[in-house]
Amino acid sequence: MIGYTLKGSSQAEIYDFAKEFFAEQGRKSTEAIIQQLKKDNKTQKSLVNAFDELFLRCKKLQQGENKGRIRYIHIFFLKSCLFTEKYEIQITLFDEQSYADKCYVYELWNPEVFTQYFQKDLECFRERNNLILFDYHKFQDIKFKYYHMFLTLIGQFIIQEIRHVAELPSYGAMEKHPEIQFIYGGYMDKGFQVYPAAEVII
C-alpha cells in the first residue's frame, strides 16, 4: 500500500487527484529534460551507439548468411518495464517476415535522461501523497498512464535524432530492403513510422 487512506473518496476522485499532480509534474519534467538535452549530447550519443552496435552485429550475421536483408527496424517500449523497473527500449532488426524472423537480433537502449525524471516524479508522488491510499493495481495503472507521456517524449526525441542513425556507415553496410521502415511503438502493437516518414503502422 502507498500513502494513507482518504475516506469517502471515490475511484474517480482518486484518479483525478493523480491526474492533476502528474499533469503539473510532467510539465516541469518535460521542461527540465529539454534543457538537459540542450546542454549535452550524451543521450543522442547513447542512442546512435546502440544502433551502431546492432547494425555491426547484423552485418556479421548477414555475411554468414544467417540473417536476411532488413525490412523493419522496430524500436519497442516494453510494458514489462513497469514491473521490472528497467526502463529500456528494445531495438530489433527484422527481415521481411517481421515477427516471424527466426534470426532474432536486438539491442537495448536506456533513455536515461527520460527514465530518471520518470522515476523521480513517481518518488515525489509517493512522498507528497499522504492523504490517499493506492492499492498495487491502482498505482500500476496510474504509473502506466504517466509512463505513456514519457514514451511520447522519447518518440519525439527519436524522430529528431534518427537521421544521425541513417547516416552511420554500419547502417549503409547492412543488406536492406528498398522500403525499409523504422517503427516506434509497443511490442506486437501499433507503432509510428519514424523514418523515412511518419505514419501509423498496424
C-alpha atoms as a PDB file:
ATOM      1  CA  MET A   1       0.000   0.000   0.000  1.00  0.00           C
ATOM      2  CA  ILE A   2       1.110   3.564  -0.701  1.00  0.00           C
ATOM      3  CA  GLY A   3       0.238   6.593   1.436  1.00  0.00           C
ATOM      4  CA  TYR A   4      -2.790   6.849   3.753  1.00  0.00           C
ATOM      5  CA  THR A   5      -6.495   6.353   3.132  1.00  0.00           C
ATOM      6  CA  LEU A   6      -8.628   9.351   2.239  1.00  0.00           C
ATOM      7  CA  LYS A   7     -12.021   8.174   3.471  1.00  0.00           C
ATOM      8  CA  GLY A   8     -15.011   8.884   1.288  1.00  0.00           C
ATOM      9  CA  SER A   9     -13.001   9.263  -1.898  1.00  0.00           C
ATOM     10  CA  SER A  10     -14.366   7.535  -4.956  1.00  0.00           C
ATOM     11  CA  GLN A  11     -12.115   5.896  -7.522  1.00  0.00           C
ATOM     12  CA  ALA A  12     -12.795   8.791  -9.912  1.00  0.00           C
ATOM     13  CA  GLU A  13     -11.701  11.310  -7.270  1.00  0.00           C
ATOM     14  CA  ILE A  14      -8.536   9.343  -6.612  1.00  0.00           C
ATOM     15  CA  TYR A  15      -7.641   9.285 -10.302  1.00  0.00           C
ATOM     16  CA  ASP A  16      -8.439  12.995 -10.638  1.00  0.00           C
ATOM     17  CA  PHE A  17      -6.043  13.677  -7.781  1.00  0.00           C
ATOM     18  CA  ALA A  18      -3.265  11.732  -9.508  1.00  0.00           C
ATOM     19  CA  LYS A  19      -4.065  13.294 -12.900  1.00  0.00           C
ATOM     20  CA  GLU A  20      -3.746  16.818 -11.508  1.00  0.00           C
ATOM     21  CA  PHE A  21      -0.472  16.010  -9.748  1.00  0.00           C
ATOM     22  CA  PHE A  22       1.172  14.365 -12.751  1.00  0.00           C
ATOM     23  CA  ALA A  23      -0.035  16.996 -15.218  1.00  0.00           C
ATOM     24  CA  GLU A  24       1.895  19.666 -13.317  1.00  0.00           C
ATOM     25  CA  GLN A  25       4.852  17.415 -12.531  1.00  0.00           C
ATOM     26  CA  GLY A  26       5.015  16.244 -16.142  1.00  0.00           C
ATOM     27  CA  ARG A  27       5.153  19.824 -17.400  1.00  0.00           C
ATOM     28  CA  LYS A  28       8.088  20.593 -15.099  1.00  0.00           C
ATOM     29  CA  SER A  29       9.940  17.416 -16.019  1.00  0.00           C
ATOM     30  CA  THR A  30       9.439  17.992 -19.741  1.00  0.00           C
ATOM     31  CA  GLU A  31      10.975  21.456 -19.464  1.00  0.00           C
ATOM     32  CA  ALA A  32      13.887  20.075 -17.432  1.00  0.00           C
ATOM     33  CA  ILE A  33      14.519  17.267 -19.947  1.00  0.00           C
ATOM     34  CA  ILE A  34      14.525  19.709 -22.870  1.00  0.00           C
ATOM     35  CA  GLN A  35      17.061  21.899 -21.098  1.00  0.00           C
ATOM     36  CA  GLN A  36      19.281  18.944 -20.233  1.00  0.00           C
ATOM     37  CA  LEU A  37      19.220  17.680 -23.823  1.00  0.00           C
ATOM     38  CA  LYS A  38      20.321  21.135 -24.970  1.00  0.00           C
ATOM     39  CA  LYS A  39      23.264  21.117 -22.542  1.00  0.00           C
ATOM     40  CA  ASP A  40      24.868  17.888 -23.705  1.00  0.00           C
ATOM     41  CA  ASN A  41      24.520  15.196 -26.370  1.00  0.00           C
ATOM     42  CA  LYS A  42      25.065  12.214 -24.080  1.00  0.00           C
ATOM     43  CA  THR A  43      21.588  10.825 -24.751  1.00  0.00           C
ATOM     44  CA  GLN A  44      21.903  11.318 -28.506  1.00  0.00           C
ATOM     45  CA  LYS A  45      25.279   9.552 -28.486  1.00  0.00           C
ATOM     46  CA  SER A  46      23.956   6.614 -26.497  1.00  0.00           C
ATOM     47  CA  LEU A  47      21.064   6.208 -28.954  1.00  0.00           C
ATOM     48  CA  VAL A  48      23.321   6.304 -32.023  1.00  0.00           C
ATOM     49  CA  ASN A  49      25.855   3.950 -30.390  1.00  0.00           C
ATOM     50  CA  ALA A  50      23.129   1.421 -29.616  1.00  0.00           C
ATOM     51  CA  PHE A  51      22.065   1.393 -33.276  1.00  0.00           C
ATOM     52  CA  ASP A  52      25.670   1.252 -34.474  1.00  0.00           C
ATOM     53  CA  GLU A  53      26.491  -1.818 -32.372  1.00  0.00           C
ATOM     54  CA  LEU A  54      23.319  -3.516 -33.571  1.00  0.00           C
ATOM     55  CA  PHE A  55      23.991  -2.797 -37.247  1.00  0.00           C
ATOM     56  CA  LEU A  56      27.558  -4.096 -36.968  1.00  0.00           C
ATOM     57  CA  ARG A  57      26.336  -7.308 -35.343  1.00  0.00           C
ATOM     58  CA  CYS A  58      23.678  -7.691 -38.019  1.00  0.00           C
ATOM     59  CA  LYS A  59      26.214  -7.268 -40.818  1.00  0.00           C
ATOM     60  CA  LYS A  60      28.306 -10.117 -39.407  1.00  0.00           C
ATOM     61  CA  LEU A  61      25.231 -12.344 -39.338  1.00  0.00           C
ATOM     62  CA  GLN A  62      24.414 -11.405 -42.917  1.00  0.00           C
ATOM     63  CA  GLN A  63      27.944 -12.258 -44.015  1.00  0.00           C
ATOM     64  CA  GLY A  64      27.407 -15.694 -42.525  1.00  0.00           C
ATOM     65  CA  GLU A  65      24.105 -15.925 -44.385  1.00  0.00           C
ATOM     66  CA  ASN A  66      22.242 -16.224 -41.092  1.00  0.00           C
ATOM     67  CA  LYS A  67      20.256 -13.016 -41.459  1.00  0.00           C
ATOM     68  CA  GLY A  68      18.204 -11.790 -44.408  1.00  0.00           C
ATOM     69  CA  ARG A  69      18.049  -8.209 -45.639  1.00  0.00           C
ATOM     70  CA  ILE A  70      16.468  -5.866 -43.126  1.00  0.00           C
ATOM     71  CA  ARG A  71      12.895  -4.772 -43.803  1.00  0.00           C
ATOM     72  CA  TYR A  72      11.796  -3.474 -40.391  1.00  0.00           C
ATOM     73  CA  ILE A  73      13.665  -1.767 -37.587  1.00  0.00           C
ATOM     74  CA  HIS A  74      11.344  -1.903 -34.611  1.00  0.00           C
ATOM     75  CA  ILE A  75      12.010   0.368 -31.663  1.00  0.00           C
ATOM     76  CA  PHE A  76       9.958  -1.181 -28.878  1.00  0.00           C
ATOM     77  CA  PHE A  77       8.954   0.044 -25.465  1.00  0.00           C
ATOM     78  CA  LEU A  78       8.277  -2.907 -23.192  1.00  0.00           C
ATOM     79  CA  LYS A  79       5.287  -2.859 -20.835  1.00  0.00           C
ATOM     80  CA  SER A  80       7.101  -5.310 -18.579  1.00  0.00           C
ATOM     81  CA  CYS A  81       9.480  -2.500 -17.581  1.00  0.00           C
ATOM     82  CA  LEU A  82       6.777  -1.096 -15.292  1.00  0.00           C
ATOM     83  CA  PHE A  83       7.199  -4.215 -13.175  1.00  0.00           C
ATOM     84  CA  THR A  84      10.934  -4.786 -13.605  1.00  0.00           C
ATOM     85  CA  GLU A  85      11.689  -1.038 -13.375  1.00  0.00           C
ATOM     86  CA  LYS A  86      14.310  -1.435 -16.097  1.00  0.00           C
ATOM     87  CA  TYR A  87      13.091   1.223 -18.496  1.00  0.00           C
ATOM     88  CA  GLU A  88      14.956   0.131 -21.584  1.00  0.00           C
ATOM     89  CA  ILE A  89      13.961   0.468 -25.217  1.00  0.00           C
ATOM     90  CA  GLN A  90      14.474  -2.605 -27.387  1.00  0.00           C
ATOM     91  CA  ILE A  91      15.717  -2.056 -30.938  1.00  0.00           C
ATOM     92  CA  THR A  92      15.119  -5.126 -33.106  1.00  0.00           C
ATOM     93  CA  LEU A  93      16.042  -5.839 -36.723  1.00  0.00           C
ATOM     94  CA  PHE A  94      13.580  -7.925 -38.719  1.00  0.00           C
ATOM     95  CA  ASP A  95      13.673  -9.257 -42.250  1.00  0.00           C
ATOM     96  CA  GLU A  96      10.544  -9.346 -44.420  1.00  0.00           C
ATOM     97  CA  GLN A  97       8.976 -11.929 -42.107  1.00  0.00           C
ATOM     98  CA  SER A  98       8.748  -9.310 -39.350  1.00  0.00           C
ATOM     99  CA  TYR A  99       7.935 -11.007 -36.024  1.00  0.00           C
ATOM    100  CA  ALA A 100       8.349 -14.423 -37.680  1.00  0.00           C
ATOM    101  CA  ASP A 101      12.028 -13.705 -38.395  1.00  0.00           C
ATOM    102  CA  LYS A 102      13.922 -16.692 -36.979  1.00  0.00           C
ATOM    103  CA  CYS A 103      17.214 -14.827 -36.559  1.00  0.00           C
ATOM    104  CA  TYR A 104      16.424 -12.529 -33.657  1.00  0.00           C
ATOM    105  CA  VAL A 105      18.912  -9.688 -33.241  1.00  0.00           C
ATOM    106  CA  TYR A 106      18.334  -6.735 -30.929  1.00  0.00           C
ATOM    107  CA  GLU A 107      19.977  -4.128 -28.730  1.00  0.00           C
ATOM    108  CA  LEU A 108      18.712  -2.429 -25.578  1.00  0.00           C
ATOM    109  CA  TRP A 109      18.922   1.335 -25.146  1.00  0.00           C
ATOM    110  CA  ASN A 110      18.374   3.144 -21.878  1.00  0.00           C
ATOM    111  CA  PRO A 111      16.909   6.645 -22.459  1.00  0.00           C
ATOM    112  CA  GLU A 112      18.388   7.610 -19.115  1.00  0.00           C
ATOM    113  CA  VAL A 113      17.530  11.299 -19.002  1.00  0.00           C
ATOM    114  CA  PHE A 114      13.850  10.453 -19.537  1.00  0.00           C
ATOM    115  CA  THR A 115      13.669   7.499 -17.164  1.00  0.00           C
ATOM    116  CA  GLN A 116      15.440   9.363 -14.383  1.00  0.00           C
ATOM    117  CA  TYR A 117      12.764  12.060 -14.372  1.00  0.00           C
ATOM    118  CA  PHE A 118      10.000   9.472 -14.605  1.00  0.00           C
ATOM    119  CA  GLN A 119      11.301   7.652 -11.533  1.00  0.00           C
ATOM    120  CA  LYS A 120      11.919  10.944  -9.734  1.00  0.00           C
ATOM    121  CA  ASP A 121       8.313  12.028 -10.345  1.00  0.00           C
ATOM    122  CA  LEU A 122       6.947   8.730  -9.048  1.00  0.00           C
ATOM    123  CA  GLU A 123       9.004   9.077  -5.883  1.00  0.00           C
ATOM    124  CA  CYS A 124       7.825  12.661  -5.476  1.00  0.00           C
ATOM    125  CA  PHE A 125       4.241  11.455  -5.801  1.00  0.00           C
ATOM    126  CA  ARG A 126       4.794   8.865  -3.075  1.00  0.00           C
ATOM    127  CA  GLU A 127       6.366  11.405  -0.729  1.00  0.00           C
ATOM    128  CA  ARG A 128       3.800  14.176  -1.167  1.00  0.00           C
ATOM    129  CA  ASN A 129       0.740  11.974  -1.345  1.00  0.00           C
ATOM    130  CA  ASN A 130      -0.001  11.458   2.356  1.00  0.00           C
ATOM    131  CA  LEU A 131      -3.785  11.562   2.090  1.00  0.00           C
ATOM    132  CA  ILE A 132      -4.720   8.881  -0.405  1.00  0.00           C
ATOM    133  CA  LEU A 133      -4.119   5.143  -0.293  1.00  0.00           C
ATOM    134  CA  PHE A 134      -3.460   3.480  -3.658  1.00  0.00           C
ATOM    135  CA  ASP A 135      -3.521  -0.276  -3.797  1.00  0.00           C
ATOM    136  CA  TYR A 136      -0.966  -2.009  -6.020  1.00  0.00           C
ATOM    137  CA  HIS A 137      -3.205  -2.344  -9.079  1.00  0.00           C
ATOM    138  CA  LYS A 138      -4.463   1.266  -8.986  1.00  0.00           C
ATOM    139  CA  PHE A 139      -0.948   2.569  -8.639  1.00  0.00           C
ATOM    140  CA  GLN A 140       0.314   0.415 -11.537  1.00  0.00           C
ATOM    141  CA  ASP A 141      -2.485   1.777 -13.699  1.00  0.00           C
ATOM    142  CA  ILE A 142      -1.595   5.374 -12.821  1.00  0.00           C
ATOM    143  CA  LYS A 143       2.093   4.616 -13.341  1.00  0.00           C
ATOM    144  CA  PHE A 144       1.392   3.151 -16.794  1.00  0.00           C
ATOM    145  CA  LYS A 145      -0.676   6.168 -17.863  1.00  0.00           C
ATOM    146  CA  TYR A 146       2.057   8.574 -16.756  1.00  0.00           C
ATOM    147  CA  TYR A 147       4.753   6.485 -18.436  1.00  0.00           C
ATOM    148  CA  HIS A 148       2.971   6.964 -21.755  1.00  0.00           C
ATOM    149  CA  MET A 149       3.699  10.681 -21.551  1.00  0.00           C
ATOM    150  CA  PHE A 150       7.414   9.872 -21.323  1.00  0.00           C
ATOM    151  CA  LEU A 151       7.117   7.374 -24.171  1.00  0.00           C
ATOM    152  CA  THR A 152       5.719  10.190 -26.306  1.00  0.00           C
ATOM    153  CA  LEU A 153       8.697  12.384 -25.386  1.00  0.00           C
ATOM    154  CA  ILE A 154      11.113   9.554 -26.185  1.00  0.00           C
ATOM    155  CA  GLY A 155       9.395   9.034 -29.549  1.00  0.00           C
ATOM    156  CA  GLN A 156       9.756  12.725 -30.379  1.00  0.00           C
ATOM    157  CA  PHE A 157      13.432  12.575 -29.438  1.00  0.00           C
ATOM    158  CA  ILE A 158      13.977   9.535 -31.678  1.00  0.00           C
ATOM    159  CA  ILE A 159      12.259  11.261 -34.621  1.00  0.00           C
ATOM    160  CA  GLN A 160      14.547  14.243 -34.108  1.00  0.00           C
ATOM    161  CA  GLU A 161      17.745  12.181 -33.899  1.00  0.00           C
ATOM    162  CA  ILE A 162      17.075   9.262 -36.255  1.00  0.00           C
ATOM    163  CA  ARG A 163      18.781  10.969 -39.203  1.00  0.00           C
ATOM    164  CA  HIS A 164      22.117  10.509 -37.385  1.00  0.00           C
ATOM    165  CA  VAL A 165      21.396   6.784 -37.265  1.00  0.00           C
ATOM    166  CA  ALA A 166      20.644   6.649 -41.004  1.00  0.00           C
ATOM    167  CA  GLU A 167      23.997   8.341 -41.663  1.00  0.00           C
ATOM    168  CA  LEU A 168      26.004   5.604 -39.910  1.00  0.00           C
ATOM    169  CA  PRO A 169      28.420   3.644 -42.148  1.00  0.00           C
ATOM    170  CA  SER A 170      27.226   0.478 -40.389  1.00  0.00           C
ATOM    171  CA  TYR A 171      23.668   1.229 -41.496  1.00  0.00           C
ATOM    172  CA  GLY A 172      24.799   1.722 -45.066  1.00  0.00           C
ATOM    173  CA  ALA A 173      26.750  -1.545 -44.983  1.00  0.00           C
ATOM    174  CA  MET A 174      23.782  -3.710 -43.988  1.00  0.00           C
ATOM    175  CA  GLU A 175      21.724  -5.535 -46.580  1.00  0.00           C
ATOM    176  CA  LYS A 176      18.411  -3.691 -46.567  1.00  0.00           C
ATOM    177  CA  HIS A 177      15.054  -3.856 -48.264  1.00  0.00           C
ATOM    178  CA  PRO A 178      14.487  -0.804 -50.519  1.00  0.00           C
ATOM    179  CA  GLU A 179      11.385   0.056 -48.470  1.00  0.00           C
ATOM    180  CA  ILE A 180      12.964  -0.342 -45.042  1.00  0.00           C
ATOM    181  CA  GLN A 181      10.991   1.204 -42.167  1.00  0.00           C
ATOM    182  CA  PHE A 182      11.938   2.416 -38.692  1.00  0.00           C
ATOM    183  CA  ILE A 183       8.910   1.896 -36.446  1.00  0.00           C
ATOM    184  CA  TYR A 184       8.455   3.111 -32.869  1.00  0.00           C
ATOM    185  CA  GLY A 185       5.785   1.607 -30.641  1.00  0.00           C
ATOM    186  CA  GLY A 186       4.842  -1.240 -28.345  1.00  0.00           C
ATOM    187  CA  TYR A 187       5.779  -4.871 -28.864  1.00  0.00           C
ATOM    188  CA  MET A 188       3.159  -6.611 -31.062  1.00  0.00           C
ATOM    189  CA  ASP A 189       1.199  -3.356 -31.040  1.00  0.00           C
ATOM    190  CA  LYS A 190       0.575  -0.294 -33.195  1.00  0.00           C
ATOM    191  CA  GLY A 191       3.553   1.875 -33.969  1.00  0.00           C
ATOM    192  CA  PHE A 192       4.586   5.018 -35.793  1.00  0.00           C
ATOM    193  CA  GLN A 193       6.999   5.058 -38.686  1.00  0.00           C
ATOM    194  CA  VAL A 194       9.728   7.445 -37.583  1.00  0.00           C
ATOM    195  CA  TYR A 195      11.914   7.087 -40.674  1.00  0.00           C
ATOM    196  CA  PRO A 196      11.764   7.945 -43.510  1.00  0.00           C
ATOM    197  CA  ALA A 197       8.225   9.293 -42.993  1.00  0.00           C
ATOM    198  CA  ALA A 198       5.693   9.315 -40.162  1.00  0.00           C
ATOM    199  CA  GLU A 199       2.536   7.223 -40.400  1.00  0.00           C
ATOM    200  CA  VAL A 200       0.610   4.696 -38.333  1.00  0.00           C
ATOM    201  CA  ILE A 201       1.592   1.072 -38.860  1.00  0.00           C
ATOM    202  CA  ILE A 202      -0.842  -1.706 -37.938  1.00  0.00           C
END
